[in-house]
Amino acid sequence: MKFYTRRKAAPQVPIVPLIDILTILLIFFIVTTTFKKKDADGNEGDGAKKNNEALLSITLPNASDLKVTLNPGERLTLGLTEAGDIYLEDAKVGLAELLPILEGLKLERADAKLELRVDKNVPVGLLVEIWNVLTKAGIDVKDVPSRILVSPEDAAAASDGDGGNPVAE
């Protein structure tokens, strides 16, 4: 009597799912890997400059003989000096005169935009008063970008000391 014996199947490794998993792992590691860049000295760094220098130094030419005309997208400069003086473009104005000037500017040119340039030593109270005048003139303060002007010496000291990112102009 011959009994039928069942043959055992040879173990198989599923190749297609393994390829899918390996592809997903490869994509994951490519996306999450940070590559090291070499700095000017040839040393490998983490890609971030410690002294806030740009990766590419570009010197742009100046055109001082051209007449300056305000394009619709350009911003008018509202400047505050350390002495508390207020300048709209190149004209010095007083705090009391600023509201009527801004209201007239808004009526005359509705598309005019402002940029606030402030010296680092301007009292905060004066800055708040300027924001108040802007609000009274119907100009939203969040639409007026502010720049705090720092001297190059202070910028170098700040970037060497705590790694800050001051605006140097």
Protein backbone atom coordinates (compact mmCIF):
# COMPACT_ATOMS: atom_id res chain seq x y z
CA MET A 1 0.00 0.00 0.00
CA LYS A 2 1.34 3.24 -1.09
CA PHE A 3 0.35 6.26 0.89
CA TYR A 4 0.33 9.59 -0.75
CA THR A 5 2.83 11.91 0.90
CA ARG A 6 2.38 15.54 0.51
CA ARG A 7 5.43 17.35 -0.70
CA LYS A 8 6.48 20.30 1.32
CA ALA A 9 6.55 23.51 -0.63
CA ALA A 10 9.90 25.21 -0.89
CA PRO A 11 10.04 28.37 1.20
CA GLN A 12 9.68 31.48 -0.92
CA VAL A 13 10.69 35.01 -0.17
CA PRO A 14 8.21 37.57 -1.52
CA ILE A 15 10.41 39.82 -3.66
CA VAL A 16 7.89 42.44 -4.82
CA PRO A 17 6.90 43.64 -1.32
CA LEU A 18 10.59 43.79 -0.35
CA ILE A 19 11.35 46.00 -3.35
CA ASP A 20 8.46 48.30 -2.39
CA ILE A 21 9.68 48.61 1.19
CA LEU A 22 13.29 49.24 0.10
CA THR A 23 12.12 51.94 -2.34
CA ILE A 24 10.15 53.70 0.40
CA LEU A 25 13.15 53.54 2.77
CA LEU A 26 15.45 54.90 0.07
CA ILE A 27 13.13 57.84 -0.61
CA PHE A 28 12.83 58.51 3.14
CA PHE A 29 16.60 58.62 3.65
CA ILE A 30 17.17 60.81 0.59
CA VAL A 31 14.57 63.33 1.73
CA THR A 32 15.69 63.50 5.36
CA THR A 33 19.44 63.56 4.79
CA THR A 34 21.28 66.85 5.28
CA PHE A 35 24.38 67.17 3.20
CA LYS A 36 27.49 68.88 4.51
CA LYS A 37 28.91 71.73 2.47
CA LYS A 38 32.50 72.86 2.36
CA ASP A 39 33.17 76.42 3.43
CA ALA A 40 35.75 78.79 1.92
CA ASP A 41 38.54 77.23 4.00
CA GLY A 42 37.82 73.75 2.64
CA ASN A 43 36.47 72.52 5.97
CA GLU A 44 33.20 70.65 6.06
CA GLY A 45 30.46 72.50 7.84
CA ASP A 46 26.78 71.99 8.43
CA GLY A 47 25.79 74.31 5.58
CA ALA A 48 24.86 77.21 7.87
CA LYS A 49 27.24 80.14 8.15
CA LYS A 50 28.09 81.04 11.74
CA ASN A 51 28.88 84.68 10.98
CA ASN A 52 25.77 85.46 8.88
CA GLU A 53 27.69 85.83 5.65
CA ALA A 54 25.99 85.06 2.39
CA LEU A 55 27.07 82.05 0.41
CA LEU A 56 27.52 84.25 -2.62
CA SER A 57 28.94 87.75 -2.43
CA ILE A 58 27.44 90.01 -5.09
CA THR A 59 28.26 93.69 -5.52
CA LEU A 60 25.55 95.53 -7.41
CA PRO A 61 26.32 98.65 -9.43
CA ASN A 62 24.93 102.03 -8.40
CA ALA A 63 23.11 104.35 -10.76
CA SER A 64 23.44 107.70 -8.99
CA ASP A 65 22.82 109.83 -12.09
CA LEU A 66 19.35 108.46 -12.74
CA LYS A 67 16.33 110.39 -11.56
CA VAL A 68 14.39 108.55 -8.92
CA THR A 69 10.74 108.04 -9.73
CA LEU A 70 8.39 106.08 -7.54
CA ASN A 71 7.03 102.98 -9.18
CA PRO A 72 3.58 101.83 -8.11
CA GLY A 73 5.09 98.89 -6.19
CA GLU A 74 7.76 100.93 -4.38
CA ARG A 75 7.39 102.12 -0.84
CA LEU A 76 7.80 105.62 0.56
CA THR A 77 10.26 105.77 3.44
CA LEU A 78 9.09 107.03 6.81
CA GLY A 79 12.25 107.44 8.88
CA LEU A 80 12.84 107.97 12.60
CA THR A 81 16.22 109.19 13.80
CA GLU A 82 17.86 108.78 17.18
CA ALA A 83 17.19 112.47 17.92
CA GLY A 84 13.44 111.87 17.44
CA ASP A 85 13.22 113.53 14.02
CA ILE A 86 10.65 112.17 11.58
CA TYR A 87 11.35 112.12 7.85
CA LEU A 88 8.95 111.28 5.05
CA GLU A 89 11.29 110.49 2.17
CA ASP A 90 13.80 113.40 2.44
CA ALA A 91 11.45 115.96 4.05
CA LYS A 92 11.53 116.50 7.80
CA VAL A 93 8.05 116.59 9.31
CA GLY A 94 6.75 117.01 12.83
CA LEU A 95 4.58 114.49 14.62
CA ALA A 96 1.61 116.88 14.52
CA GLU A 97 2.03 117.42 10.74
CA LEU A 98 2.36 113.71 9.96
CA LEU A 99 -1.34 112.79 10.24
CA PRO A 100 -2.63 115.36 7.69
CA ILE A 101 0.25 114.51 5.32
CA LEU A 102 -0.50 110.79 5.48
CA GLU A 103 -4.24 111.36 5.04
CA GLY A 104 -3.54 113.56 2.00
CA LEU A 105 -1.14 110.98 0.61
CA LYS A 106 -3.74 108.25 1.01
CA LEU A 107 -6.35 110.37 -0.81
CA GLU A 108 -3.94 111.46 -3.55
CA ARG A 109 -2.34 108.06 -4.13
CA ALA A 110 -4.35 105.19 -2.71
CA ASP A 111 -1.76 102.68 -3.94
CA ALA A 112 1.13 104.35 -2.07
CA LYS A 113 2.84 102.09 0.45
CA LEU A 114 5.11 103.02 3.35
CA GLU A 115 8.23 101.52 4.86
CA LEU A 116 9.26 102.44 8.39
CA ARG A 117 13.04 102.83 8.93
CA VAL A 118 13.97 103.25 12.57
CA ASP A 119 17.31 103.91 14.25
CA LYS A 120 18.04 101.34 16.95
CA ASN A 121 18.15 104.03 19.66
CA VAL A 122 14.70 105.53 18.95
CA PRO A 123 12.50 105.50 22.05
CA VAL A 124 9.75 102.91 21.91
CA GLY A 125 7.22 105.58 22.87
CA LEU A 126 7.91 107.52 19.66
CA LEU A 127 7.54 104.34 17.61
CA VAL A 128 4.18 103.63 19.23
CA GLU A 129 3.06 107.22 18.52
CA ILE A 130 4.00 106.76 14.84
CA TRP A 131 1.99 103.53 14.73
CA ASN A 132 -0.92 105.40 16.30
CA VAL A 133 -0.71 108.14 13.63
CA LEU A 134 -0.57 105.49 10.89
CA THR A 135 -3.69 103.84 12.30
CA LYS A 136 -5.53 107.19 12.51
CA ALA A 137 -4.61 107.87 8.88
CA GLY A 138 -6.24 104.58 7.87
CA ILE A 139 -2.98 102.75 7.17
CA ASP A 140 -2.78 99.28 8.69
CA VAL A 141 0.41 98.94 10.74
CA LYS A 142 0.93 95.33 9.65
CA ASP A 143 1.19 96.54 6.03
CA VAL A 144 4.12 98.84 6.90
CA PRO A 145 7.34 96.83 7.14
CA SER A 146 9.79 98.10 9.74
CA ARG A 147 13.57 98.10 9.52
CA ILE A 148 15.76 98.80 12.50
CA LEU A 149 18.96 100.42 11.32
CA VAL A 150 22.12 99.16 12.99
CA SER A 151 25.61 100.53 12.41
CA PRO A 152 28.07 98.09 10.74
CA GLU A 153 30.21 98.02 13.92
CA ASP A 154 27.20 97.03 16.04
CA ALA A 155 26.18 94.44 13.44
CA ALA A 156 29.63 92.84 13.52
CA ALA A 157 29.65 92.81 17.32
CA ALA A 158 26.16 91.29 17.50
CA SER A 159 26.89 88.57 14.95
CA ASP A 160 30.18 87.66 16.66
CA GLY A 161 28.65 87.65 20.11
CA ASP A 162 25.29 85.93 20.12
CA GLY A 163 24.75 84.92 16.50
CA GLY A 164 21.90 87.40 16.04
CA ASN A 165 20.70 88.59 12.69
CA PRO A 166 20.58 92.41 12.75
CA VAL A 167 19.77 94.45 9.69
CA ALA A 168 22.93 96.38 8.84
CA GLU A 169 22.56 99.36 6.58
